[in-house]
N, C-alpha and C. Protein backbone atom coordinates (compact mmCIF):
# COMPACT_ATOMS: atom_id res chain seq x y z
N MET A 1 0.77 -16.43 -14.71
CA MET A 1 2.06 -15.89 -15.04
C MET A 1 3.08 -16.38 -14.00
N GLU A 2 4.15 -16.95 -14.46
CA GLU A 2 5.18 -17.44 -13.56
C GLU A 2 6.08 -16.29 -13.13
N LYS A 3 6.35 -16.23 -11.84
CA LYS A 3 7.17 -15.15 -11.31
C LYS A 3 8.62 -15.61 -11.19
N LYS A 4 9.53 -14.68 -11.44
CA LYS A 4 10.95 -14.96 -11.32
C LYS A 4 11.44 -14.46 -9.97
N ILE A 5 12.08 -15.33 -9.21
CA ILE A 5 12.62 -14.93 -7.92
C ILE A 5 14.00 -14.34 -8.16
N SER A 6 14.18 -13.11 -7.71
CA SER A 6 15.45 -12.41 -7.88
C SER A 6 16.49 -12.96 -6.91
N PRO A 7 17.76 -12.93 -7.31
CA PRO A 7 18.82 -13.28 -6.36
C PRO A 7 18.78 -12.33 -5.17
N LYS A 8 19.24 -12.79 -4.03
CA LYS A 8 19.20 -11.99 -2.80
C LYS A 8 19.85 -10.62 -3.04
N GLY A 9 19.12 -9.57 -2.64
CA GLY A 9 19.63 -8.21 -2.75
C GLY A 9 19.50 -7.58 -4.13
N GLU A 10 18.91 -8.28 -5.08
CA GLU A 10 18.84 -7.77 -6.45
C GLU A 10 17.45 -7.28 -6.86
N HIS A 11 16.40 -7.68 -6.12
CA HIS A 11 15.04 -7.36 -6.52
C HIS A 11 14.80 -5.85 -6.63
N ASN A 12 15.35 -5.08 -5.68
CA ASN A 12 15.11 -3.63 -5.68
C ASN A 12 15.81 -2.92 -6.84
N LYS A 13 16.67 -3.61 -7.57
CA LYS A 13 17.36 -3.00 -8.71
C LYS A 13 16.51 -3.06 -9.99
N LEU A 14 15.42 -3.84 -9.95
CA LEU A 14 14.53 -3.92 -11.10
C LEU A 14 13.69 -2.65 -11.21
N ASN A 15 13.15 -2.38 -12.41
CA ASN A 15 12.25 -1.24 -12.53
C ASN A 15 10.94 -1.60 -11.81
N TYR A 16 10.10 -0.59 -11.59
CA TYR A 16 8.88 -0.76 -10.80
C TYR A 16 7.99 -1.88 -11.33
N ASP A 17 7.70 -1.87 -12.63
CA ASP A 17 6.81 -2.89 -13.20
C ASP A 17 7.35 -4.30 -12.98
N ASP A 18 8.65 -4.49 -13.17
CA ASP A 18 9.24 -5.81 -12.97
C ASP A 18 9.27 -6.21 -11.49
N ARG A 19 9.49 -5.22 -10.60
CA ARG A 19 9.45 -5.53 -9.16
C ARG A 19 8.08 -6.04 -8.77
N ILE A 20 7.02 -5.35 -9.23
CA ILE A 20 5.66 -5.75 -8.89
C ILE A 20 5.29 -7.07 -9.55
N LYS A 21 5.61 -7.20 -10.83
CA LYS A 21 5.25 -8.40 -11.59
C LYS A 21 5.90 -9.65 -11.01
N ASN A 22 7.10 -9.53 -10.46
CA ASN A 22 7.84 -10.69 -9.96
C ASN A 22 7.87 -10.76 -8.43
N TYR A 23 7.01 -9.99 -7.79
CA TYR A 23 6.99 -9.98 -6.33
C TYR A 23 6.33 -11.25 -5.80
N VAL A 24 7.03 -11.96 -4.95
CA VAL A 24 6.49 -13.16 -4.29
C VAL A 24 6.40 -12.81 -2.80
N ASP A 25 5.22 -12.91 -2.22
CA ASP A 25 5.02 -12.44 -0.87
C ASP A 25 5.30 -13.50 0.19
N PHE A 26 6.59 -13.77 0.38
CA PHE A 26 7.00 -14.69 1.44
C PHE A 26 6.72 -14.08 2.80
N SER A 27 6.78 -12.75 2.87
CA SER A 27 6.65 -12.07 4.16
C SER A 27 5.26 -12.29 4.77
N GLU A 28 4.21 -12.28 3.97
CA GLU A 28 2.87 -12.50 4.53
C GLU A 28 2.73 -13.91 5.10
N GLN A 29 3.30 -14.89 4.41
CA GLN A 29 3.24 -16.26 4.93
C GLN A 29 4.01 -16.36 6.25
N ARG A 30 5.16 -15.70 6.33
CA ARG A 30 5.94 -15.69 7.57
C ARG A 30 5.12 -15.03 8.69
N PHE A 31 4.39 -13.96 8.36
CA PHE A 31 3.61 -13.28 9.37
C PHE A 31 2.44 -14.14 9.86
N ILE A 32 1.80 -14.84 8.96
CA ILE A 32 0.72 -15.76 9.35
C ILE A 32 1.26 -16.82 10.30
N GLU A 33 2.43 -17.36 10.01
CA GLU A 33 3.06 -18.34 10.91
C GLU A 33 3.34 -17.73 12.27
N TYR A 34 3.79 -16.47 12.28
CA TYR A 34 4.04 -15.74 13.53
C TYR A 34 2.75 -15.64 14.34
N CYS A 35 1.65 -15.26 13.69
CA CYS A 35 0.35 -15.14 14.37
C CYS A 35 -0.07 -16.47 14.98
N GLN A 36 0.07 -17.52 14.23
CA GLN A 36 -0.31 -18.85 14.72
C GLN A 36 0.54 -19.25 15.92
N LYS A 37 1.84 -19.01 15.83
CA LYS A 37 2.76 -19.36 16.91
C LYS A 37 2.45 -18.59 18.19
N HIS A 38 2.08 -17.31 18.05
CA HIS A 38 1.83 -16.45 19.21
C HIS A 38 0.35 -16.35 19.57
N LYS A 39 -0.45 -17.24 19.01
CA LYS A 39 -1.87 -17.37 19.36
C LYS A 39 -2.68 -16.10 19.08
N PHE A 40 -2.38 -15.48 17.94
CA PHE A 40 -3.18 -14.36 17.47
C PHE A 40 -4.13 -14.86 16.39
N PHE A 41 -5.37 -14.39 16.44
CA PHE A 41 -6.28 -14.57 15.32
C PHE A 41 -5.92 -13.48 14.32
N TYR A 42 -6.17 -13.71 13.05
CA TYR A 42 -5.80 -12.69 12.06
C TYR A 42 -6.81 -12.67 10.93
N ARG A 43 -6.90 -11.50 10.32
CA ARG A 43 -7.73 -11.30 9.14
C ARG A 43 -6.92 -10.47 8.15
N LYS A 44 -6.85 -10.94 6.91
CA LYS A 44 -6.22 -10.15 5.87
C LYS A 44 -7.17 -9.00 5.51
N LEU A 45 -6.62 -7.83 5.32
CA LEU A 45 -7.44 -6.66 5.03
C LEU A 45 -7.27 -6.14 3.61
N HIS A 46 -6.66 -6.87 2.76
CA HIS A 46 -6.41 -6.38 1.40
C HIS A 46 -7.72 -6.07 0.69
N LEU A 47 -7.97 -4.81 0.46
CA LEU A 47 -9.18 -4.42 -0.26
C LEU A 47 -9.13 -4.86 -1.71
N ASN A 48 -7.93 -4.85 -2.29
CA ASN A 48 -7.87 -5.23 -3.70
C ASN A 48 -7.96 -6.74 -3.90
N GLN A 49 -7.76 -7.52 -2.84
CA GLN A 49 -7.91 -8.98 -2.88
C GLN A 49 -7.26 -9.62 -4.10
N SER A 50 -6.12 -9.13 -4.46
CA SER A 50 -5.43 -9.69 -5.62
C SER A 50 -3.94 -9.60 -5.39
N ASP A 51 -3.24 -10.66 -5.68
CA ASP A 51 -1.78 -10.63 -5.59
C ASP A 51 -1.19 -9.97 -6.83
N ASP A 52 -2.00 -9.76 -7.84
CA ASP A 52 -1.53 -9.17 -9.08
C ASP A 52 -2.05 -7.74 -9.16
N ILE A 53 -1.18 -6.81 -8.82
CA ILE A 53 -1.58 -5.40 -8.77
C ILE A 53 -2.05 -4.90 -10.13
N PHE A 54 -1.52 -5.46 -11.21
CA PHE A 54 -1.88 -5.00 -12.54
C PHE A 54 -3.31 -5.39 -12.94
N THR A 55 -3.87 -6.44 -12.34
CA THR A 55 -5.24 -6.86 -12.67
C THR A 55 -6.17 -6.74 -11.47
N CYS A 56 -5.95 -5.76 -10.65
CA CYS A 56 -6.75 -5.55 -9.45
C CYS A 56 -8.23 -5.40 -9.82
N PRO A 57 -9.13 -6.07 -9.09
CA PRO A 57 -10.55 -5.98 -9.41
C PRO A 57 -11.19 -4.64 -9.06
N ILE A 58 -10.52 -3.79 -8.29
CA ILE A 58 -11.06 -2.47 -7.97
C ILE A 58 -10.46 -1.48 -8.97
N PRO A 59 -11.31 -0.87 -9.82
CA PRO A 59 -10.78 0.07 -10.82
C PRO A 59 -10.04 1.24 -10.16
N HIS A 60 -8.97 1.64 -10.76
CA HIS A 60 -8.20 2.81 -10.32
C HIS A 60 -7.73 2.69 -8.87
N TRP A 61 -7.41 1.47 -8.44
CA TRP A 61 -6.99 1.21 -7.07
C TRP A 61 -5.88 2.16 -6.61
N GLY A 62 -4.90 2.38 -7.46
CA GLY A 62 -3.77 3.22 -7.09
C GLY A 62 -4.11 4.69 -6.91
N LYS A 63 -5.33 5.08 -7.24
CA LYS A 63 -5.73 6.49 -7.14
C LYS A 63 -6.68 6.74 -5.98
N LEU A 64 -6.77 5.80 -5.04
CA LEU A 64 -7.72 5.93 -3.93
C LEU A 64 -7.11 6.55 -2.67
N GLY A 65 -5.96 7.19 -2.80
CA GLY A 65 -5.37 7.92 -1.69
C GLY A 65 -5.03 7.03 -0.50
N LEU A 66 -5.38 7.51 0.69
CA LEU A 66 -5.02 6.83 1.94
C LEU A 66 -5.59 5.42 2.02
N LEU A 67 -6.68 5.17 1.32
CA LEU A 67 -7.28 3.84 1.32
C LEU A 67 -6.30 2.77 0.84
N THR A 68 -5.41 3.13 -0.08
CA THR A 68 -4.43 2.16 -0.58
C THR A 68 -3.38 1.82 0.47
N SER A 69 -3.35 2.58 1.55
CA SER A 69 -2.38 2.32 2.62
C SER A 69 -2.99 1.52 3.76
N MET A 70 -4.16 0.95 3.53
CA MET A 70 -4.77 0.11 4.56
C MET A 70 -3.78 -0.97 4.97
N PRO A 71 -3.62 -1.21 6.27
CA PRO A 71 -2.69 -2.25 6.72
C PRO A 71 -3.06 -3.61 6.12
N ASP A 72 -2.09 -4.50 6.09
CA ASP A 72 -2.29 -5.82 5.50
C ASP A 72 -3.14 -6.74 6.37
N PHE A 73 -3.04 -6.59 7.69
CA PHE A 73 -3.72 -7.51 8.61
C PHE A 73 -4.33 -6.77 9.79
N PHE A 74 -5.36 -7.40 10.34
CA PHE A 74 -5.90 -7.04 11.65
C PHE A 74 -5.71 -8.29 12.49
N VAL A 75 -4.94 -8.18 13.58
CA VAL A 75 -4.69 -9.34 14.44
C VAL A 75 -5.22 -9.04 15.84
N TYR A 76 -5.62 -10.09 16.53
CA TYR A 76 -6.22 -9.88 17.84
C TYR A 76 -6.17 -11.16 18.66
N ASN A 77 -6.28 -10.97 19.97
CA ASN A 77 -6.50 -12.06 20.91
C ASN A 77 -7.33 -11.47 22.05
N ASP A 78 -7.41 -12.13 23.17
CA ASP A 78 -8.26 -11.60 24.24
C ASP A 78 -7.62 -10.43 24.99
N ARG A 79 -6.37 -10.08 24.67
CA ARG A 79 -5.68 -8.97 25.35
C ARG A 79 -5.52 -7.71 24.50
N GLU A 80 -5.42 -7.88 23.18
CA GLU A 80 -5.13 -6.72 22.34
C GLU A 80 -5.58 -6.92 20.90
N GLN A 81 -5.67 -5.80 20.19
CA GLN A 81 -5.97 -5.84 18.76
C GLN A 81 -5.01 -4.86 18.07
N ILE A 82 -4.54 -5.28 16.89
CA ILE A 82 -3.47 -4.53 16.23
C ILE A 82 -3.68 -4.53 14.72
N PHE A 83 -3.57 -3.35 14.10
CA PHE A 83 -3.45 -3.27 12.65
C PHE A 83 -1.97 -3.49 12.33
N VAL A 84 -1.69 -4.32 11.34
CA VAL A 84 -0.29 -4.63 11.02
C VAL A 84 -0.02 -4.46 9.53
N GLU A 85 0.98 -3.67 9.23
CA GLU A 85 1.52 -3.54 7.87
C GLU A 85 2.71 -4.49 7.79
N VAL A 86 2.72 -5.36 6.80
CA VAL A 86 3.79 -6.35 6.65
C VAL A 86 4.77 -5.89 5.59
N LYS A 87 6.05 -5.89 5.95
CA LYS A 87 7.11 -5.48 5.04
C LYS A 87 8.05 -6.65 4.80
N ALA A 88 8.53 -6.76 3.56
CA ALA A 88 9.43 -7.86 3.19
C ALA A 88 10.90 -7.50 3.35
N SER A 89 11.17 -6.24 3.65
CA SER A 89 12.56 -5.81 3.82
C SER A 89 12.61 -4.68 4.83
N ASN A 90 13.81 -4.19 5.08
CA ASN A 90 13.99 -3.09 6.02
C ASN A 90 13.92 -1.72 5.31
N LYS A 91 13.33 -1.69 4.14
CA LYS A 91 13.20 -0.44 3.38
C LYS A 91 11.78 0.11 3.54
N ILE A 92 11.69 1.42 3.79
CA ILE A 92 10.39 2.09 3.86
C ILE A 92 10.46 3.35 3.02
N LYS A 93 9.54 3.43 2.04
CA LYS A 93 9.45 4.64 1.22
C LYS A 93 8.95 5.79 2.09
N ILE A 94 9.45 6.97 1.83
CA ILE A 94 9.03 8.16 2.58
C ILE A 94 7.52 8.33 2.51
N ARG A 95 6.96 8.22 1.31
CA ARG A 95 5.51 8.43 1.17
C ARG A 95 4.72 7.35 1.91
N ASP A 96 5.23 6.12 1.96
CA ASP A 96 4.54 5.05 2.70
C ASP A 96 4.57 5.32 4.20
N LEU A 97 5.71 5.77 4.71
CA LEU A 97 5.81 6.07 6.14
C LEU A 97 4.81 7.15 6.53
N LYS A 98 4.68 8.18 5.70
CA LYS A 98 3.69 9.23 5.97
C LYS A 98 2.27 8.65 5.98
N SER A 99 2.00 7.73 5.07
CA SER A 99 0.67 7.10 5.02
C SER A 99 0.43 6.23 6.25
N TYR A 100 1.44 5.48 6.70
CA TYR A 100 1.27 4.64 7.89
C TYR A 100 0.94 5.50 9.11
N ILE A 101 1.63 6.62 9.24
CA ILE A 101 1.38 7.52 10.37
C ILE A 101 -0.03 8.10 10.28
N SER A 102 -0.43 8.50 9.09
CA SER A 102 -1.79 9.04 8.90
C SER A 102 -2.84 8.00 9.24
N TRP A 103 -2.66 6.77 8.75
CA TRP A 103 -3.61 5.69 9.02
C TRP A 103 -3.74 5.47 10.53
N GLU A 104 -2.59 5.41 11.20
CA GLU A 104 -2.59 5.19 12.64
C GLU A 104 -3.34 6.31 13.36
N LYS A 105 -3.09 7.56 12.99
CA LYS A 105 -3.75 8.69 13.65
C LYS A 105 -5.25 8.70 13.41
N MET A 106 -5.67 8.28 12.22
CA MET A 106 -7.10 8.33 11.89
C MET A 106 -7.89 7.16 12.46
N PHE A 107 -7.29 5.96 12.53
CA PHE A 107 -8.08 4.77 12.81
C PHE A 107 -7.68 3.99 14.06
N CYS A 108 -6.68 4.46 14.78
CA CYS A 108 -6.26 3.73 15.98
C CYS A 108 -6.42 4.60 17.22
N ASP A 109 -6.99 4.02 18.25
CA ASP A 109 -7.07 4.64 19.55
C ASP A 109 -6.03 3.91 20.40
N PRO A 110 -4.96 4.59 20.82
CA PRO A 110 -3.87 3.90 21.52
C PRO A 110 -4.32 3.06 22.72
N LYS A 111 -5.45 3.43 23.29
CA LYS A 111 -5.96 2.68 24.44
C LYS A 111 -6.50 1.31 24.01
N TYR A 112 -7.02 1.23 22.78
CA TYR A 112 -7.69 0.00 22.36
C TYR A 112 -7.06 -0.69 21.15
N THR A 113 -6.60 0.07 20.20
CA THR A 113 -6.13 -0.51 18.95
C THR A 113 -4.75 0.02 18.60
N LYS A 114 -3.81 -0.89 18.42
CA LYS A 114 -2.43 -0.53 18.12
C LYS A 114 -2.18 -0.61 16.61
N TYR A 115 -1.06 -0.03 16.22
CA TYR A 115 -0.60 -0.10 14.83
C TYR A 115 0.85 -0.50 14.86
N ARG A 116 1.20 -1.53 14.09
CA ARG A 116 2.58 -2.01 14.04
C ARG A 116 2.98 -2.28 12.60
N ILE A 117 4.27 -2.19 12.37
CA ILE A 117 4.84 -2.59 11.10
C ILE A 117 5.71 -3.79 11.38
N ALA A 118 5.41 -4.89 10.69
CA ALA A 118 6.14 -6.15 10.88
C ALA A 118 7.13 -6.33 9.73
N PHE A 119 8.39 -6.35 10.07
CA PHE A 119 9.45 -6.59 9.09
C PHE A 119 9.73 -8.09 9.14
N CYS A 120 9.35 -8.78 8.09
CA CYS A 120 9.40 -10.25 8.09
C CYS A 120 10.59 -10.74 7.27
N PHE A 121 11.61 -11.17 7.96
CA PHE A 121 12.81 -11.70 7.33
C PHE A 121 12.82 -13.22 7.42
N ALA A 122 13.72 -13.85 6.72
CA ALA A 122 13.79 -15.32 6.73
C ALA A 122 14.06 -15.86 8.13
N ASP A 123 14.86 -15.14 8.93
CA ASP A 123 15.27 -15.66 10.24
C ASP A 123 14.58 -15.00 11.43
N LYS A 124 13.81 -13.92 11.19
CA LYS A 124 13.16 -13.24 12.31
C LYS A 124 12.07 -12.30 11.81
N ILE A 125 11.21 -11.91 12.75
CA ILE A 125 10.20 -10.88 12.49
C ILE A 125 10.42 -9.79 13.53
N VAL A 126 10.56 -8.57 13.04
CA VAL A 126 10.77 -7.42 13.91
C VAL A 126 9.53 -6.54 13.84
N MET A 127 8.90 -6.32 14.98
CA MET A 127 7.70 -5.48 15.06
C MET A 127 8.12 -4.11 15.58
N LYS A 128 7.67 -3.06 14.88
CA LYS A 128 8.00 -1.69 15.28
C LYS A 128 6.75 -0.82 15.24
N THR A 129 6.71 0.16 16.14
CA THR A 129 5.68 1.19 16.09
C THR A 129 6.16 2.27 15.12
N THR A 130 5.27 3.15 14.71
CA THR A 130 5.70 4.25 13.84
C THR A 130 6.65 5.17 14.60
N ASP A 131 6.44 5.36 15.90
CA ASP A 131 7.36 6.18 16.70
C ASP A 131 8.76 5.56 16.73
N GLN A 132 8.85 4.25 16.88
CA GLN A 132 10.15 3.59 16.89
C GLN A 132 10.85 3.74 15.54
N ILE A 133 10.07 3.70 14.46
CA ILE A 133 10.66 3.87 13.13
C ILE A 133 11.17 5.30 12.97
N LEU A 134 10.40 6.28 13.42
CA LEU A 134 10.86 7.66 13.35
C LEU A 134 12.16 7.86 14.13
N GLU A 135 12.29 7.17 15.26
CA GLU A 135 13.52 7.26 16.05
C GLU A 135 14.71 6.65 15.32
N LEU A 136 14.46 5.71 14.42
CA LEU A 136 15.55 5.07 13.65
C LEU A 136 16.00 5.89 12.44
N ILE A 137 15.21 6.86 12.03
CA ILE A 137 15.51 7.64 10.81
C ILE A 137 16.92 8.25 10.84
N PRO A 138 17.35 8.88 11.94
CA PRO A 138 18.70 9.47 11.92
C PRO A 138 19.83 8.46 11.67
N GLN A 139 19.60 7.20 12.02
CA GLN A 139 20.62 6.16 11.81
C GLN A 139 20.44 5.43 10.49
N SER A 140 19.41 5.79 9.75
CA SER A 140 19.08 5.10 8.50
C SER A 140 19.85 5.69 7.33
N LYS A 141 19.96 4.89 6.29
CA LYS A 141 20.53 5.36 5.04
C LYS A 141 19.37 5.63 4.08
N MET A 142 19.49 6.69 3.27
CA MET A 142 18.46 6.98 2.29
C MET A 142 18.96 6.55 0.91
N SER A 143 18.04 5.99 0.15
CA SER A 143 18.35 5.59 -1.23
C SER A 143 17.10 5.85 -2.06
N SER A 144 17.14 5.48 -3.35
CA SER A 144 15.96 5.67 -4.18
C SER A 144 15.90 4.60 -5.26
N TYR A 145 14.68 4.31 -5.67
CA TYR A 145 14.45 3.39 -6.78
C TYR A 145 14.68 4.14 -8.09
N HIS A 146 14.75 3.39 -9.18
CA HIS A 146 15.00 3.98 -10.50
C HIS A 146 14.00 5.08 -10.86
N GLU A 147 12.74 4.89 -10.46
CA GLU A 147 11.71 5.86 -10.83
C GLU A 147 11.70 7.08 -9.90
N GLY A 148 12.62 7.12 -8.93
CA GLY A 148 12.76 8.29 -8.08
C GLY A 148 12.16 8.20 -6.70
N ASN A 149 11.41 7.15 -6.39
CA ASN A 149 10.84 7.01 -5.04
C ASN A 149 11.97 6.83 -4.04
N LYS A 150 12.02 7.74 -3.06
CA LYS A 150 13.06 7.66 -2.04
C LYS A 150 12.60 6.79 -0.88
N TYR A 151 13.55 6.08 -0.30
CA TYR A 151 13.23 5.21 0.84
C TYR A 151 14.36 5.22 1.84
N PHE A 152 14.00 4.89 3.09
CA PHE A 152 14.98 4.71 4.15
C PHE A 152 15.33 3.23 4.25
N ILE A 153 16.60 2.95 4.49
CA ILE A 153 17.04 1.60 4.82
C ILE A 153 17.25 1.60 6.33
N LEU A 154 16.34 0.99 7.05
CA LEU A 154 16.34 1.03 8.51
C LEU A 154 17.34 0.04 9.09
N PRO A 155 18.04 0.44 10.15
CA PRO A 155 18.96 -0.49 10.83
C PRO A 155 18.20 -1.41 11.79
N LEU A 156 17.74 -2.52 11.28
CA LEU A 156 16.97 -3.45 12.11
C LEU A 156 17.84 -4.63 12.48
């Protein structure tokens, strides 16, 4: 299936099915380049192992609770190891932010394993902790998608 690339700033105006169907993950490629540049080894952690959410090989993937919030990557070098969630924009859904915090609390030991959210833009990558994101909430704008999912637009 050929995907249609939306004009800049227009993708989030599509309904959910069209957003997913036409999603092109430039952000993951940018993040892989970042890892290579900064000498991090990386492993993709996508349990569904499919770029097409509609034909995911794991039945009922969307109903697996916190498991669906598994970070996109595990990166490491000889100094540190980090779970990383990759975002293509500065928007974070409220329910996703709660899941990121839960994942971090359950599976990360701050002494050994970090959790970061990488906002991958065309001109830069911004890495934030969940605490840093929470600190940005008062300066953020809230909006919602057509189906009602509310999200913060973070000032990055």
